[in-house]
PDB file of N, CA and C in Angstrom:
ATOM      1  N   MET A   1      65.991  62.100 146.261  1.00  0.00           N
ATOM      2  CA  MET A   1      67.031  63.026 146.661  1.00  0.00           C
ATOM      3  C   MET A   1      66.618  64.424 146.221  1.00  0.00           C
ATOM      4  N   LYS A   2      66.676  65.363 147.129  1.00  0.00           N
ATOM      5  CA  LYS A   2      66.351  66.746 146.805  1.00  0.00           C
ATOM      6  C   LYS A   2      67.584  67.464 146.292  1.00  0.00           C
ATOM      7  N   ARG A   3      67.359  68.433 145.412  1.00  0.00           N
ATOM      8  CA  ARG A   3      68.450  69.234 144.859  1.00  0.00           C
ATOM      9  C   ARG A   3      68.276  70.676 145.298  1.00  0.00           C
ATOM     10  N   LYS A   4      69.368  71.297 145.656  1.00  0.00           N
ATOM     11  CA  LYS A   4      69.368  72.709 146.027  1.00  0.00           C
ATOM     12  C   LYS A   4      70.007  73.466 144.870  1.00  0.00           C
ATOM     13  N   VAL A   5      69.263  74.399 144.289  1.00  0.00           N
ATOM     14  CA  VAL A   5      69.778  75.170 143.163  1.00  0.00           C
ATOM     15  C   VAL A   5      69.966  76.620 143.579  1.00  0.00           C
ATOM     16  N   GLY A   6      70.928  77.252 142.984  1.00  0.00           N
ATOM     17  CA  GLY A   6      71.207  78.649 143.285  1.00  0.00           C
ATOM     18  C   GLY A   6      71.832  79.326 142.079  1.00  0.00           C
ATOM     19  N   TYR A   7      72.077  80.601 142.221  1.00  0.00           N
ATOM     20  CA  TYR A   7      72.691  81.353 141.136  1.00  0.00           C
ATOM     21  C   TYR A   7      73.485  82.509 141.713  1.00  0.00           C
ATOM     22  N   SER A   8      74.401  83.020 140.918  1.00  0.00           N
ATOM     23  CA  SER A   8      75.125  84.231 141.299  1.00  0.00           C
ATOM     24  C   SER A   8      75.037  85.219 140.138  1.00  0.00           C
ATOM     25  N   TRP A   9      74.849  86.461 140.479  1.00  0.00           N
ATOM     26  CA  TRP A   9      74.682  87.550 139.533  1.00  0.00           C
ATOM     27  C   TRP A   9      76.027  88.232 139.367  1.00  0.00           C
ATOM     28  N   ARG A  10      76.582  88.224 138.180  1.00  0.00           N
ATOM     29  CA  ARG A  10      77.938  88.698 137.939  1.00  0.00           C
ATOM     30  C   ARG A  10      77.987  89.976 137.106  1.00  0.00           C
ATOM     31  N   LEU A  11      76.941  90.788 137.144  1.00  0.00           N
ATOM     32  CA  LEU A  11      76.891  91.997 136.314  1.00  0.00           C
ATOM     33  C   LEU A  11      78.054  92.933 136.603  1.00  0.00           C
ATOM     34  N   ARG A  12      78.333  93.160 137.875  1.00  0.00           N
ATOM     35  CA  ARG A  12      79.417  94.088 138.225  1.00  0.00           C
ATOM     36  C   ARG A  12      80.768  93.596 137.695  1.00  0.00           C
ATOM     37  N   GLU A  13      81.023  92.302 137.800  1.00  0.00           N
ATOM     38  CA  GLU A  13      82.296  91.746 137.309  1.00  0.00           C
ATOM     39  C   GLU A  13      82.420  91.905 135.793  1.00  0.00           C
ATOM     40  N   VAL A  14      81.327  91.604 135.083  1.00  0.00           N
ATOM     41  CA  VAL A  14      81.358  91.700 133.626  1.00  0.00           C
ATOM     42  C   VAL A  14      81.511  93.160 133.198  1.00  0.00           C
ATOM     43  N   MET A  15      80.836  94.069 133.912  1.00  0.00           N
ATOM     44  CA  MET A  15      80.986  95.491 133.617  1.00  0.00           C
ATOM     45  C   MET A  15      82.447  95.910 133.743  1.00  0.00           C
ATOM     46  N   ALA A  16      83.103  95.488 134.814  1.00  0.00           N
ATOM     47  CA  ALA A  16      84.495  95.881 135.050  1.00  0.00           C
ATOM     48  C   ALA A  16      85.412  95.366 133.942  1.00  0.00           C
ATOM     49  N   THR A  17      85.171  94.144 133.471  1.00  0.00           N
ATOM     50  CA  THR A  17      86.031  93.618 132.402  1.00  0.00           C
ATOM     51  C   THR A  17      85.820  94.350 131.087  1.00  0.00           C
ATOM     52  N   ARG A  18      84.661  95.001 130.939  1.00  0.00           N
ATOM     53  CA  ARG A  18      84.363  95.750 129.709  1.00  0.00           C
ATOM     54  C   ARG A  18      84.651  97.244 129.856  1.00  0.00           C
ATOM     55  N   GLY A  19      85.181  97.654 131.019  1.00  0.00           N
ATOM     56  CA  GLY A  19      85.539  99.054 131.215  1.00  0.00           C
ATOM     57  C   GLY A  19      84.401  99.953 131.660  1.00  0.00           C
ATOM     58  N   VAL A  20      83.297  99.385 132.108  1.00  0.00           N
ATOM     59  CA  VAL A  20      82.162 100.160 132.618  1.00  0.00           C
ATOM     60  C   VAL A  20      82.193 100.008 134.136  1.00  0.00           C
ATOM     61  N   PHE A  21      82.404 101.135 134.845  1.00  0.00           N
ATOM     62  CA  PHE A  21      82.637 101.029 136.283  1.00  0.00           C
ATOM     63  C   PHE A  21      81.538 101.615 137.164  1.00  0.00           C
ATOM     64  N   THR A  22      80.578 102.345 136.596  1.00  0.00           N
ATOM     65  CA  THR A  22      79.508 102.900 137.417  1.00  0.00           C
ATOM     66  C   THR A  22      78.151 102.556 136.822  1.00  0.00           C
ATOM     67  N   ALA A  23      77.158 102.468 137.704  1.00  0.00           N
ATOM     68  CA  ALA A  23      75.806 102.147 137.268  1.00  0.00           C
ATOM     69  C   ALA A  23      75.221 103.282 136.434  1.00  0.00           C
ATOM     70  N   THR A  24      75.615 104.512 136.736  1.00  0.00           N
ATOM     71  CA  THR A  24      75.067 105.643 135.977  1.00  0.00           C
ATOM     72  C   THR A  24      75.529 105.637 134.516  1.00  0.00           C
ATOM     73  N   ASP A  25      76.642 104.973 134.228  1.00  0.00           N
ATOM     74  CA  ASP A  25      77.081 104.845 132.831  1.00  0.00           C
ATOM     75  C   ASP A  25      76.112 103.981 132.021  1.00  0.00           C
ATOM     76  N   LEU A  26      75.402 103.083 132.700  1.00  0.00           N
ATOM     77  CA  LEU A  26      74.484 102.180 132.004  1.00  0.00           C
ATOM     78  C   LEU A  26      73.150 102.829 131.657  1.00  0.00           C
ATOM     79  N   VAL A  27      72.737 103.857 132.409  1.00  0.00           N
ATOM     80  CA  VAL A  27      71.401 104.450 132.220  1.00  0.00           C
ATOM     81  C   VAL A  27      71.190 104.936 130.780  1.00  0.00           C
ATOM     82  N   PRO A  28      72.083 105.763 130.214  1.00  0.00           N
ATOM     83  CA  PRO A  28      71.841 106.203 128.825  1.00  0.00           C
ATOM     84  C   PRO A  28      71.963 105.058 127.815  1.00  0.00           C
ATOM     85  N   LEU A  29      72.822 104.090 128.099  1.00  0.00           N
ATOM     86  CA  LEU A  29      72.968 102.953 127.193  1.00  0.00           C
ATOM     87  C   LEU A  29      71.708 102.095 127.186  1.00  0.00           C
ATOM     88  N   LEU A  30      71.065 101.970 128.342  1.00  0.00           N
ATOM     89  CA  LEU A  30      69.796 101.242 128.410  1.00  0.00           C
ATOM     90  C   LEU A  30      68.692 102.020 127.696  1.00  0.00           C
ATOM     91  N   LYS A  31      68.685 103.356 127.836  1.00  0.00           N
ATOM     92  CA  LYS A  31      67.668 104.186 127.171  1.00  0.00           C
ATOM     93  C   LYS A  31      67.777 104.073 125.653  1.00  0.00           C
ATOM     94  N   GLU A  32      68.999 103.960 125.135  1.00  0.00           N
ATOM     95  CA  GLU A  32      69.194 103.777 123.688  1.00  0.00           C
ATOM     96  C   GLU A  32      68.520 102.500 123.201  1.00  0.00           C
ATOM     97  N   ARG A  33      68.345 101.548 124.097  1.00  0.00           N
ATOM     98  CA  ARG A  33      67.748 100.254 123.741  1.00  0.00           C
ATOM     99  C   ARG A  33      66.281 100.147 124.192  1.00  0.00           C
ATOM    100  N   GLY A  34      65.699 101.281 124.573  1.00  0.00           N
ATOM    101  CA  GLY A  34      64.284 101.297 124.928  1.00  0.00           C
ATOM    102  C   GLY A  34      63.974 100.887 126.358  1.00  0.00           C
ATOM    103  N   ILE A  35      64.980 100.801 127.216  1.00  0.00           N
ATOM    104  CA  ILE A  35      64.790 100.431 128.619  1.00  0.00           C
ATOM    105  C   ILE A  35      64.912 101.707 129.449  1.00  0.00           C
ATOM    106  N   ASN A  36      63.816 102.137 130.065  1.00  0.00           N
ATOM    107  CA  ASN A  36      63.813 103.361 130.868  1.00  0.00           C
ATOM    108  C   ASN A  36      63.806 103.009 132.350  1.00  0.00           C
ATOM    109  N   LEU A  37      64.973 102.911 132.927  1.00  0.00           N
ATOM    110  CA  LEU A  37      65.130 102.659 134.358  1.00  0.00           C
ATOM    111  C   LEU A  37      65.806 103.863 134.998  1.00  0.00           C
ATOM    112  N   SER A  38      65.435 104.151 136.232  1.00  0.00           N
ATOM    113  CA  SER A  38      66.084 105.260 136.941  1.00  0.00           C
ATOM    114  C   SER A  38      67.492 104.840 137.355  1.00  0.00           C
ATOM    115  N   ALA A  39      68.283 105.815 137.731  1.00  0.00           N
ATOM    116  CA  ALA A  39      69.652 105.530 138.173  1.00  0.00           C
ATOM    117  C   ALA A  39      69.650 104.638 139.409  1.00  0.00           C
ATOM    118  N   SER A  40      68.672 104.838 140.303  1.00  0.00           N
ATOM    119  CA  SER A  40      68.632 104.007 141.512  1.00  0.00           C
ATOM    120  C   SER A  40      68.234 102.564 141.184  1.00  0.00           C
ATOM    121  N   GLN A  41      67.348 102.368 140.201  1.00  0.00           N
ATOM    122  CA  GLN A  41      66.987 101.007 139.800  1.00  0.00           C
ATOM    123  C   GLN A  41      68.180 100.291 139.178  1.00  0.00           C
ATOM    124  N   VAL A  42      68.928 100.995 138.349  1.00  0.00           N
ATOM    125  CA  VAL A  42      70.111 100.386 137.726  1.00  0.00           C
ATOM    126  C   VAL A  42      71.157 100.101 138.796  1.00  0.00           C
ATOM    127  N   HIS A  43      71.298 101.009 139.755  1.00  0.00           N
ATOM    128  CA  HIS A  43      72.258 100.796 140.846  1.00  0.00           C
ATOM    129  C   HIS A  43      71.921  99.527 141.625  1.00  0.00           C
ATOM    130  N   ARG A  44      70.632  99.305 141.904  1.00  0.00           N
ATOM    131  CA  ARG A  44      70.229  98.084 142.620  1.00  0.00           C
ATOM    132  C   ARG A  44      70.547  96.832 141.813  1.00  0.00           C
ATOM    133  N   LEU A  45      70.376  96.898 140.494  1.00  0.00           N
ATOM    134  CA  LEU A  45      70.704  95.750 139.647  1.00  0.00           C
ATOM    135  C   LEU A  45      72.203  95.472 139.631  1.00  0.00           C
ATOM    136  N   VAL A  46      72.997  96.541 139.667  1.00  0.00           N
ATOM    137  CA  VAL A  46      74.455  96.379 139.621  1.00  0.00           C
ATOM    138  C   VAL A  46      74.997  95.918 140.965  1.00  0.00           C
ATOM    139  N   SER A  47      74.507  96.500 142.048  1.00  0.00           N
ATOM    140  CA  SER A  47      75.096  96.224 143.362  1.00  0.00           C
ATOM    141  C   SER A  47      74.485  95.041 144.084  1.00  0.00           C
ATOM    142  N   GLY A  48      73.302  94.617 143.694  1.00  0.00           N
ATOM    143  CA  GLY A  48      72.652  93.507 144.384  1.00  0.00           C
ATOM    144  C   GLY A  48      72.434  92.325 143.460  1.00  0.00           C
ATOM    145  N   THR A  49      71.731  91.341 143.976  1.00  0.00           N
ATOM    146  CA  THR A  49      71.373  90.161 143.193  1.00  0.00           C
ATOM    147  C   THR A  49      69.860  90.156 143.016  1.00  0.00           C
ATOM    148  N   PRO A  50      69.379  90.389 141.793  1.00  0.00           N
ATOM    149  CA  PRO A  50      67.933  90.446 141.591  1.00  0.00           C
ATOM    150  C   PRO A  50      67.293  89.067 141.693  1.00  0.00           C
ATOM    151  N   GLU A  51      66.085  89.039 142.241  1.00  0.00           N
ATOM    152  CA  GLU A  51      65.324  87.789 142.272  1.00  0.00           C
ATOM    153  C   GLU A  51      64.538  87.615 140.984  1.00  0.00           C
ATOM    154  N   ARG A  52      64.138  88.726 140.382  1.00  0.00           N
ATOM    155  CA  ARG A  52      63.414  88.720 139.114  1.00  0.00           C
ATOM    156  C   ARG A  52      64.047  89.746 138.194  1.00  0.00           C
ATOM    157  N   LEU A  53      64.064  89.422 136.913  1.00  0.00           N
ATOM    158  CA  LEU A  53      64.668  90.321 135.944  1.00  0.00           C
ATOM    159  C   LEU A  53      63.966  90.134 134.606  1.00  0.00           C
ATOM    160  N   SER A  54      63.580  91.228 133.994  1.00  0.00           N
ATOM    161  CA  SER A  54      62.946  91.189 132.674  1.00  0.00           C
ATOM    162  C   SER A  54      63.949  90.668 131.647  1.00  0.00           C
ATOM    163  N   LEU A  55      63.453  89.849 130.735  1.00  0.00           N
ATOM    164  CA  LEU A  55      64.333  89.358 129.674  1.00  0.00           C
ATOM    165  C   LEU A  55      64.776  90.488 128.757  1.00  0.00           C
ATOM    166  N   GLN A  56      63.955  91.541 128.641  1.00  0.00           N
ATOM    167  CA  GLN A  56      64.368  92.707 127.856  1.00  0.00           C
ATOM    168  C   GLN A  56      65.584  93.385 128.489  1.00  0.00           C
ATOM    169  N   VAL A  57      65.560  93.513 129.809  1.00  0.00           N
ATOM    170  CA  VAL A  57      66.683  94.140 130.514  1.00  0.00           C
ATOM    171  C   VAL A  57      67.920  93.247 130.399  1.00  0.00           C
ATOM    172  N   LEU A  58      67.744  91.951 130.584  1.00  0.00           N
ATOM    173  CA  LEU A  58      68.870  91.015 130.462  1.00  0.00           C
ATOM    174  C   LEU A  58      69.462  91.083 129.057  1.00  0.00           C
ATOM    175  N   SER A  59      68.602  91.110 128.048  1.00  0.00           N
ATOM    176  CA  SER A  59      69.077  91.203 126.659  1.00  0.00           C
ATOM    177  C   SER A  59      69.818  92.513 126.415  1.00  0.00           C
ATOM    178  N   ALA A  60      69.325  93.605 126.998  1.00  0.00           N
ATOM    179  CA  ALA A  60      69.994  94.901 126.834  1.00  0.00           C
ATOM    180  C   ALA A  60      71.372  94.877 127.488  1.00  0.00           C
ATOM    181  N   PHE A  61      71.468  94.299 128.696  1.00  0.00           N
ATOM    182  CA  PHE A  61      72.776  94.180 129.347  1.00  0.00           C
ATOM    183  C   PHE A  61      73.735  93.380 128.470  1.00  0.00           C
ATOM    184  N   CYS A  62      73.252  92.290 127.893  1.00  0.00           N
ATOM    185  CA  CYS A  62      74.104  91.454 127.039  1.00  0.00           C
ATOM    186  C   CYS A  62      74.564  92.228 125.802  1.00  0.00           C
ATOM    187  N   ASP A  63      73.670  93.029 125.224  1.00  0.00           N
ATOM    188  CA  ASP A  63      74.033  93.817 124.048  1.00  0.00           C
ATOM    189  C   ASP A  63      75.048  94.899 124.410  1.00  0.00           C
ATOM    190  N   ILE A  64      74.812  95.591 125.522  1.00  0.00           N
ATOM    191  CA  ILE A  64      75.717  96.669 125.948  1.00  0.00           C
ATOM    192  C   ILE A  64      77.109  96.132 126.248  1.00  0.00           C
ATOM    193  N   LEU A  65      77.166  94.998 126.957  1.00  0.00           N
ATOM    194  CA  LEU A  65      78.450  94.469 127.433  1.00  0.00           C
ATOM    195  C   LEU A  65      79.070  93.446 126.485  1.00  0.00           C
ATOM    196  N   GLY A  66      78.376  93.094 125.424  1.00  0.00           N
ATOM    197  CA  GLY A  66      78.910  92.131 124.466  1.00  0.00           C
ATOM    198  C   GLY A  66      79.139  90.769 125.084  1.00  0.00           C
ATOM    199  N   CYS A  67      78.134  90.284 125.819  1.00  0.00           N
ATOM    200  CA  CYS A  67      78.269  89.000 126.504  1.00  0.00           C
ATOM    201  C   CYS A  67      76.988  88.195 126.336  1.00  0.00           C
ATOM    202  N   SER A  68      76.959  87.019 126.908  1.00  0.00           N
ATOM    203  CA  SER A  68      75.765  86.168 126.872  1.00  0.00           C
ATOM    204  C   SER A  68      75.138  86.121 128.264  1.00  0.00           C
ATOM    205  N   PRO A  69      73.885  85.676 128.367  1.00  0.00           N
ATOM    206  CA  PRO A  69      73.272  85.541 129.693  1.00  0.00           C
ATOM    207  C   PRO A  69      74.075  84.625 130.627  1.00  0.00           C
ATOM    208  N   ALA A  70      74.749  83.628 130.070  1.00  0.00           N
ATOM    209  CA  ALA A  70      75.556  82.723 130.896  1.00  0.00           C
ATOM    210  C   ALA A  70      76.741  83.443 131.531  1.00  0.00           C
ATOM    211  N   ASP A  71      77.186  84.529 130.918  1.00  0.00           N
ATOM    212  CA  ASP A  71      78.262  85.317 131.519  1.00  0.00           C
ATOM    213  C   ASP A  71      77.753  86.118 132.716  1.00  0.00           C
ATOM    214  N   LEU A  72      76.494  86.519 132.679  1.00  0.00           N
ATOM    215  CA  LEU A  72      75.926  87.332 133.752  1.00  0.00           C
ATOM    216  C   LEU A  72      75.348  86.512 134.899  1.00  0.00           C
ATOM    217  N   VAL A  73      74.857  85.317 134.595  1.00  0.00           N
ATOM    218  CA  VAL A  73      74.233  84.478 135.623  1.00  0.00           C
ATOM    219  C   VAL A  73      74.916  83.115 135.606  1.00  0.00           C
ATOM    220  N   THR A  74      75.536  82.750 136.727  1.00  0.00           N
ATOM    221  CA  THR A  74      76.094  81.407 136.852  1.00  0.00           C
ATOM    222  C   THR A  74      75.223  80.632 137.827  1.00  0.00           C
ATOM    223  N   THR A  75      74.945  79.389 137.484  1.00  0.00           N
ATOM    224  CA  THR A  75      74.061  78.575 138.310  1.00  0.00           C
ATOM    225  C   THR A  75      74.833  77.485 139.029  1.00  0.00           C
ATOM    226  N   THR A  76      74.272  77.070 140.159  1.00  0.00           N
ATOM    227  CA  THR A  76      74.837  75.960 140.928  1.00  0.00           C
ATOM    228  C   THR A  76      73.708  75.008 141.289  1.00  0.00           C
ATOM    229  N   ALA A  77      74.037  73.737 141.404  1.00  0.00           N
ATOM    230  CA  ALA A  77      73.069  72.733 141.838  1.00  0.00           C
ATOM    231  C   ALA A  77      73.826  71.671 142.617  1.00  0.00           C
ATOM    232  N   GLU A  78      73.285  71.315 143.764  1.00  0.00           N
ATOM    233  CA  GLU A  78      73.928  70.292 144.585  1.00  0.00           C
ATOM    234  C   GLU A  78      72.861  69.492 145.304  1.00  0.00           C
ATOM    235  N   ASN A  79      73.226  68.304 145.696  1.00  0.00           N
ATOM    236  CA  ASN A  79      72.301  67.469 146.445  1.00  0.00           C
ATOM    237  C   ASN A  79      72.143  68.039 147.842  1.00  0.00           C
ATOM    238  N   ALA A  80      70.898  68.166 148.270  1.00  0.00           N
ATOM    239  CA  ALA A  80      70.622  68.650 149.616  1.00  0.00           C
ATOM    240  C   ALA A  80      70.393  67.438 150.509  1.00  0.00           C
ATOM    241  N   GLY A  81      71.049  67.407 151.643  1.00  0.00           N
ATOM    242  CA  GLY A  81      70.882  66.295 152.572  1.00  0.00           C
ATOM    243  C   GLY A  81      69.463  66.262 153.110  1.00  0.00           C
ATOM    244  N   VAL A  82      68.904  65.065 153.161  1.00  0.00           N
ATOM    245  CA  VAL A  82      67.556  64.900 153.688  1.00  0.00           C
ATOM    246  C   VAL A  82      67.664  64.647 155.174  1.00  0.00           C
ATOM    247  N   ARG A  83      66.972  65.464 155.935  1.00  0.00           N
ATOM    248  CA  ARG A  83      67.016  65.339 157.384  1.00  0.00           C
ATOM    249  C   ARG A  83      66.137  64.180 157.830  1.00  0.00           C
ATOM    250  N   LYS A  84      66.686  63.289 158.618  1.00  0.00           N
ATOM    251  CA  LYS A  84      65.934  62.131 159.098  1.00  0.00           C
ATOM    252  C   LYS A  84      65.189  62.501 160.363  1.00  0.00           C
ATOM    253  N   THR A  85      64.006  61.928 160.510  1.00  0.00           N
ATOM    254  CA  THR A  85      63.184  62.208 161.682  1.00  0.00           C
ATOM    255  C   THR A  85      63.165  61.000 162.604  1.00  0.00           C
ATOM    256  N   ALA A  86      62.713  61.220 163.813  1.00  0.00           N
ATOM    257  CA  ALA A  86      62.660  60.139 164.798  1.00  0.00           C
ATOM    258  C   ALA A  86      61.613  59.101 164.425  1.00  0.00           C
ATOM    259  N   THR A  87      60.641  59.451 163.613  1.00  0.00           N
ATOM    260  CA  THR A  87      59.594  58.510 163.226  1.00  0.00           C
ATOM    261  C   THR A  87      59.956  57.724 161.985  1.00  0.00           C
ATOM    262  N   ASP A  88      61.139  57.912 161.486  1.00  0.00           N
ATOM    263  CA  ASP A  88      61.591  57.190 160.312  1.00  0.00           C
ATOM    264  C   ASP A  88      61.643  55.701 160.648  1.00  0.00           C
ATOM    265  N   ASP A  89      61.065  54.853 159.817  1.00  0.00           N
ATOM    266  CA  ASP A  89      60.983  53.411 160.096  1.00  0.00           C
ATOM    267  C   ASP A  89      62.194  52.667 159.569  1.00  0.00           C
ATOM    268  N   GLN A  90      63.347  53.160 159.809  1.00  0.00           N
ATOM    269  CA  GLN A  90      64.578  52.509 159.395  1.00  0.00           C
ATOM    270  C   GLN A  90      65.033  51.557 160.506  1.00  0.00           C
ATOM    271  N   PRO A  91      65.602  50.404 160.167  1.00  0.00           N
ATOM    272  CA  PRO A  91      66.123  49.523 161.211  1.00  0.00           C
ATOM    273  C   PRO A  91      67.307  50.164 161.927  1.00  0.00           C
ATOM    274  N   ALA A  92      67.501  49.770 163.156  1.00  0.00           N
ATOM    275  CA  ALA A  92      68.604  50.312 163.943  1.00  0.00           C
ATOM    276  C   ALA A  92      69.927  49.909 163.311  1.00  0.00           C
ATOM    277  N   PRO A  93      70.925  50.756 163.378  1.00  0.00           N
ATOM    278  CA  PRO A  93      72.235  50.391 162.818  1.00  0.00           C
ATOM    279  C   PRO A  93      72.807  49.174 163.541  1.00  0.00           C
ATOM    280  N   SER A  94      73.616  48.396 162.828  1.00  0.00           N
ATOM    281  CA  SER A  94      74.165  47.162 163.390  1.00  0.00           C
ATOM    282  C   SER A  94      75.136  47.436 164.540  1.00  0.00           C
ATOM    283  N   THR A  95      75.690  48.627 164.641  1.00  0.00           N
ATOM    284  CA  THR A  95      76.609  48.925 165.744  1.00  0.00           C
ATOM    285  C   THR A  95      75.882  48.949 167.079  1.00  0.00           C
ATOM    286  N   VAL A  96      74.574  49.243 167.063  1.00  0.00           N
ATOM    287  CA  VAL A  96      73.813  49.261 168.308  1.00  0.00           C
ATOM    288  C   VAL A  96      73.710  47.852 168.883  1.00  0.00           C
ATOM    289  N   THR A  97      73.518  46.848 168.034  1.00  0.00           N
ATOM    290  CA  THR A  97      73.394  45.473 168.533  1.00  0.00           C
ATOM    291  C   THR A  97      74.707  44.994 169.139  1.00  0.00           C
ATOM    292  N   LYS A  98      75.829  45.496 168.702  1.00  0.00           N
ATOM    293  CA  LYS A  98      77.114  45.094 169.270  1.00  0.00           C
ATOM    294  C   LYS A  98      77.310  45.666 170.670  1.00  0.00           C
ATOM    295  N   LEU A  99      76.627  46.736 170.986  1.00  0.00           N
ATOM    296  CA  LEU A  99      76.785  47.373 172.284  1.00  0.00           C
ATOM    297  C   LEU A  99      75.877  46.762 173.352  1.00  0.00           C
ATOM    298  N   ARG A 100      74.918  45.945 172.966  1.00  0.00           N
ATOM    299  CA  ARG A 100      74.006  45.344 173.940  1.00  0.00           C
ATOM    300  C   ARG A 100      74.703  44.211 174.692  1.00  0.00           C
ATOM    301  N   PRO A 101      74.359  44.038 175.960  1.00  0.00           N
ATOM    302  CA  PRO A 101      74.970  42.940 176.725  1.00  0.00           C
ATOM    303  C   PRO A 101      74.485  41.588 176.217  1.00  0.00           C
ATOM    304  N   ARG A 102      75.325  40.592 176.438  1.00  0.00           N
ATOM    305  CA  ARG A 102      74.948  39.240 176.048  1.00  0.00           C
ATOM    306  C   ARG A 102      73.908  38.704 177.018  1.00  0.00           C
ATOM    307  N   ALA A 103      73.044  37.837 176.512  1.00  0.00           N
ATOM    308  CA  ALA A 103      72.027  37.224 177.360  1.00  0.00           C
ATOM    309  C   ALA A 103      72.702  36.274 178.342  1.00  0.00           C
ATOM    310  N   ALA A 104      72.156  36.242 179.557  1.00  0.00           N
ATOM    311  CA  ALA A 104      72.714  35.366 180.603  1.00  0.00           C
ATOM    312  C   ALA A 104      72.280  33.929 180.357  1.00  0.00           C
ATOM    313  N   ARG A 105      73.198  32.968 180.661  1.00  0.00           N
ATOM    314  CA  ARG A 105      72.867  31.540 180.580  1.00  0.00           C
ATOM    315  C   ARG A 105      72.592  31.045 181.981  1.00  0.00           C
ATOM    316  N   ILE A 106      71.501  30.396 182.152  1.00  0.00           N
ATOM    317  CA  ILE A 106      71.170  29.831 183.469  1.00  0.00           C
ATOM    318  C   ILE A 106      71.535  28.355 183.433  1.00  0.00           C
ATOM    319  N   LEU A 107      72.385  27.957 184.377  1.00  0.00           N
ATOM    320  CA  LEU A 107      72.839  26.571 184.445  1.00  0.00           C
ATOM    321  C   LEU A 107      71.999  25.819 185.501  1.00  0.00           C
ATOM    322  N   PRO A 108      71.721  24.561 185.257  1.00  0.00           N
ATOM    323  CA  PRO A 108      70.961  23.774 186.233  1.00  0.00           C
ATOM    324  C   PRO A 108      71.791  23.541 187.506  1.00  0.00           C
ATOM    325  N   ASP A 109      71.091  23.420 188.660  1.00  0.00           N
ATOM    326  CA  ASP A 109      71.783  23.103 189.925  1.00  0.00           C
ATOM    327  C   ASP A 109      72.323  21.709 189.867  1.00  0.00           C
ATOM    328  N   GLU A 110      73.457  21.492 190.418  1.00  0.00           N
ATOM    329  CA  GLU A 110      74.061  20.162 190.428  1.00  0.00           C
ATOM    330  C   GLU A 110      73.970  19.520 191.745  1.00  0.00           C
TER     331      GLU A 110
END
């Protein structure tokens, strides 16, 4: 069985609960922690969902907002349906045999 995993980035939500409402407010706070990102880079992190993120940046966000990485990133995992192919060697379902006509009986001439 295959599993489909995903995540959601909740930085904007956590910022709002802590009273930080703009990405530009984070730039000087990140600089205090040795993270030099431009305002546009921070804006992309706040408004979008990053595919890659430095652990230093994640740690700085957690320190600034007083939260844990689990507060910023929520994960999901679910079973992904396996698509069956026509070449799959599975026996035909039993409902198909019920739909077939009965074999004819040949009676001898009298």
